[in-house]
């Protein structure tokens, strides 16, 4: 007695929407309402999508192969993010960011700060080929400089990230700079 393989079909629109909506609603509830990280809702969203694929006749081997193919396609971006993370850590530990903050507060005048920031970020992005690298390295230093010059720091995710990582360094550098121990000033 042989078992016939179930007929594989395309997902119906409502099945695809259930998968997508379970992911979106789970992440919204997790972040906005409970203040948690999105990893668990993402895992649950993957489980709902796998159940919908299984319901459409796909075997677990097919579902697993699709997951592996999706991960394989995203590995290049993941490697870039890992390298940028390493670069940010090296810059923090070696004192590059506080140095950029200190000298940036002396060199960049508040009236030209926004124009200079755009130009520096554009040149850095073109030179490195990575907008992530630019925002995670020189962008972080420029946000600290902007905060020291009186520009409001973004209240969104990146602002929180910057404040958490560089609070002590930025406070020390800005405090030292404002105490008159540094040269120049605006």
Protein backbone atom coordinates (compact mmCIF):
# COMPACT_ATOMS: atom_id res chain seq x y z
CA UNK A 1 0.00 0.00 0.00
CA UNK A 2 1.49 3.32 -1.07
CA UNK A 3 0.44 6.65 0.24
CA UNK A 4 -0.28 9.24 -2.38
CA UNK A 5 1.48 12.55 -2.00
CA UNK A 6 -1.08 15.29 -1.39
CA UNK A 7 -1.70 17.72 -4.21
CA UNK A 8 0.35 20.88 -3.72
CA UNK A 9 -1.56 24.05 -4.52
CA UNK A 10 -1.00 27.77 -4.32
CA UNK A 11 -2.09 29.44 -1.12
CA UNK A 12 -5.45 31.13 -1.20
CA UNK A 13 -5.44 34.86 -0.58
CA UNK A 14 -7.00 34.47 2.86
CA UNK A 15 -4.32 31.95 3.87
CA UNK A 16 -1.55 34.30 2.81
CA UNK A 17 -3.24 37.18 4.63
CA UNK A 18 -3.56 35.12 7.82
CA UNK A 19 0.18 34.44 7.69
CA UNK A 20 1.04 38.08 7.10
CA UNK A 21 -1.45 39.50 9.58
CA UNK A 22 -0.39 37.10 12.34
CA UNK A 23 3.16 38.34 11.92
CA UNK A 24 2.24 42.04 11.82
CA UNK A 25 -0.26 41.88 14.69
CA UNK A 26 2.13 39.81 16.81
CA UNK A 27 4.97 42.28 16.31
CA UNK A 28 2.73 45.30 16.98
CA UNK A 29 1.39 43.76 20.19
CA UNK A 30 4.87 42.72 21.26
CA UNK A 31 6.56 46.08 20.73
CA UNK A 32 3.83 48.68 21.15
CA UNK A 33 1.71 47.15 23.88
CA UNK A 34 4.01 44.88 25.88
CA UNK A 35 7.34 46.62 25.17
CA UNK A 36 9.03 43.33 24.29
CA UNK A 37 11.43 42.35 21.55
CA UNK A 38 9.93 41.05 18.26
CA UNK A 39 11.74 37.70 18.09
CA UNK A 40 8.99 35.53 19.62
CA UNK A 41 6.19 37.01 17.44
CA UNK A 42 8.42 36.51 14.39
CA UNK A 43 8.90 32.86 15.32
CA UNK A 44 5.15 32.50 15.79
CA UNK A 45 4.60 34.15 12.40
CA UNK A 46 6.94 31.60 10.80
CA UNK A 47 5.00 28.81 12.50
CA UNK A 48 1.66 30.15 11.17
CA UNK A 49 3.15 30.46 7.66
CA UNK A 50 4.48 26.88 7.89
CA UNK A 51 1.06 25.64 8.99
CA UNK A 52 -0.59 27.41 6.06
CA UNK A 53 1.96 25.88 3.66
CA UNK A 54 1.39 22.43 5.20
CA UNK A 55 -2.37 22.98 4.79
CA UNK A 56 -1.77 23.76 1.10
CA UNK A 57 -0.12 20.37 0.64
CA UNK A 58 3.57 21.13 1.04
CA UNK A 59 5.63 18.55 2.92
CA UNK A 60 7.84 19.54 5.83
CA UNK A 61 10.87 18.88 3.60
CA UNK A 62 9.55 21.45 1.07
CA UNK A 63 8.81 23.99 3.80
CA UNK A 64 12.25 23.51 5.32
CA UNK A 65 13.94 23.84 1.92
CA UNK A 66 12.06 27.12 1.38
CA UNK A 67 13.22 28.43 4.74
CA UNK A 68 16.83 27.49 4.01
CA UNK A 69 16.64 29.14 0.58
CA UNK A 70 15.28 32.34 2.14
CA UNK A 71 18.02 32.42 4.75
CA UNK A 72 20.67 31.73 2.11
CA UNK A 73 19.43 34.68 0.03
CA UNK A 74 19.72 37.04 3.01
CA UNK A 75 23.17 35.96 4.21
CA UNK A 76 25.01 38.73 2.35
CA UNK A 77 22.97 41.43 4.11
CA UNK A 78 23.42 39.66 7.45
CA UNK A 79 27.19 39.58 6.97
CA UNK A 80 27.22 43.31 6.19
CA UNK A 81 25.28 44.02 9.38
CA UNK A 82 27.67 41.84 11.41
CA UNK A 83 30.69 43.65 10.00
CA UNK A 84 29.10 47.03 10.69
CA UNK A 85 28.39 45.89 14.26
CA UNK A 86 32.02 44.89 14.68
CA UNK A 87 33.14 48.24 13.28
CA UNK A 88 30.89 50.13 15.70
CA UNK A 89 32.26 48.11 18.62
CA UNK A 90 35.84 48.77 17.56
CA UNK A 91 35.14 52.49 17.22
CA UNK A 92 33.58 52.58 20.69
CA UNK A 93 36.41 50.67 22.36
CA UNK A 94 39.19 52.56 20.60
CA UNK A 95 37.80 56.01 21.40
CA UNK A 96 37.07 57.08 17.84
CA UNK A 97 33.50 58.17 18.61
CA UNK A 98 34.39 60.38 21.62
CA UNK A 99 37.23 61.89 19.59
CA UNK A 100 34.86 62.67 16.73
CA UNK A 101 32.40 64.20 19.21
CA UNK A 102 35.08 66.33 20.84
CA UNK A 103 36.59 67.70 17.64
CA UNK A 104 33.23 67.92 15.91
CA UNK A 105 31.94 70.24 18.62
CA UNK A 106 34.97 72.48 18.04
CA UNK A 107 35.06 72.41 14.25
CA UNK A 108 31.43 72.32 13.06
CA UNK A 109 29.47 75.53 13.56
CA UNK A 110 25.74 75.06 14.36
CA UNK A 111 24.67 77.17 11.36
CA UNK A 112 26.27 74.77 8.87
CA UNK A 113 25.88 71.55 10.87
CA UNK A 114 23.03 70.03 8.83
CA UNK A 115 24.69 70.72 5.48
CA UNK A 116 28.03 69.37 6.71
CA UNK A 117 26.30 66.27 8.11
CA UNK A 118 24.67 65.48 4.77
CA UNK A 119 27.94 65.96 2.90
CA UNK A 120 29.97 63.85 5.35
CA UNK A 121 27.43 61.03 5.27
CA UNK A 122 27.19 61.15 1.47
CA UNK A 123 30.96 60.96 1.03
CA UNK A 124 31.28 58.18 3.62
CA UNK A 125 28.50 56.16 1.99
CA UNK A 126 30.05 56.53 -1.44
CA UNK A 127 33.51 55.65 -0.15
CA UNK A 128 32.45 52.58 1.82
CA UNK A 129 29.48 51.48 -0.28
CA UNK A 130 27.42 50.94 2.86
CA UNK A 131 24.65 53.16 4.15
CA UNK A 132 24.45 50.92 7.25
CA UNK A 133 28.12 51.45 7.93
CA UNK A 134 27.71 55.20 7.54
CA UNK A 135 24.74 55.46 9.87
CA UNK A 136 26.31 53.15 12.46
CA UNK A 137 29.69 54.85 12.59
CA UNK A 138 30.00 58.46 11.48
CA UNK A 139 26.22 58.92 11.71
CA UNK A 140 26.30 58.02 15.39
CA UNK A 141 29.11 60.50 16.03
CA UNK A 142 27.26 63.21 14.10
CA UNK A 143 24.12 62.59 16.16
CA UNK A 144 26.19 63.08 19.31
CA UNK A 145 27.66 66.28 17.88
CA UNK A 146 24.19 67.49 16.95
CA UNK A 147 22.95 66.82 20.47
CA UNK A 148 25.93 68.73 21.86
CA UNK A 149 25.20 71.67 19.55
CA UNK A 150 21.58 71.80 20.71
CA UNK A 151 19.85 69.97 17.86
CA UNK A 152 17.09 67.63 19.06
CA UNK A 153 18.10 63.98 18.96
CA UNK A 154 15.55 61.71 17.26
CA UNK A 155 13.12 60.15 19.74
CA UNK A 156 12.66 57.02 17.61
CA UNK A 157 14.55 53.78 17.58
CA UNK A 158 17.91 55.10 16.41
CA UNK A 159 17.87 57.90 18.98
CA UNK A 160 17.26 55.39 21.75
CA UNK A 161 20.02 53.19 20.37
CA UNK A 162 22.49 56.07 20.29
CA UNK A 163 21.59 57.29 23.77
CA UNK A 164 21.95 53.81 25.24
CA UNK A 165 25.33 53.12 23.61
CA UNK A 166 26.99 56.48 23.95
CA UNK A 167 25.39 58.15 26.94
CA UNK A 168 28.47 58.09 29.17
CA UNK A 169 30.90 58.98 26.40
CA UNK A 170 28.76 61.79 25.03
CA UNK A 171 28.10 63.25 28.49
CA UNK A 172 31.81 63.15 29.34
CA UNK A 173 32.92 64.70 26.05
CA UNK A 174 30.21 67.37 25.94
CA UNK A 175 30.77 68.18 29.63
CA UNK A 176 34.52 68.50 29.10
CA UNK A 177 33.97 70.63 26.04
CA UNK A 178 31.49 72.95 27.77
CA UNK A 179 33.69 73.32 30.87
CA UNK A 180 36.07 75.44 28.85
CA UNK A 181 38.88 72.91 29.03
CA UNK A 182 38.67 72.38 25.28
CA UNK A 183 39.76 74.92 22.74
CA UNK A 184 37.46 76.88 20.46
CA UNK A 185 33.75 76.77 21.20
CA UNK A 186 30.65 78.22 19.65
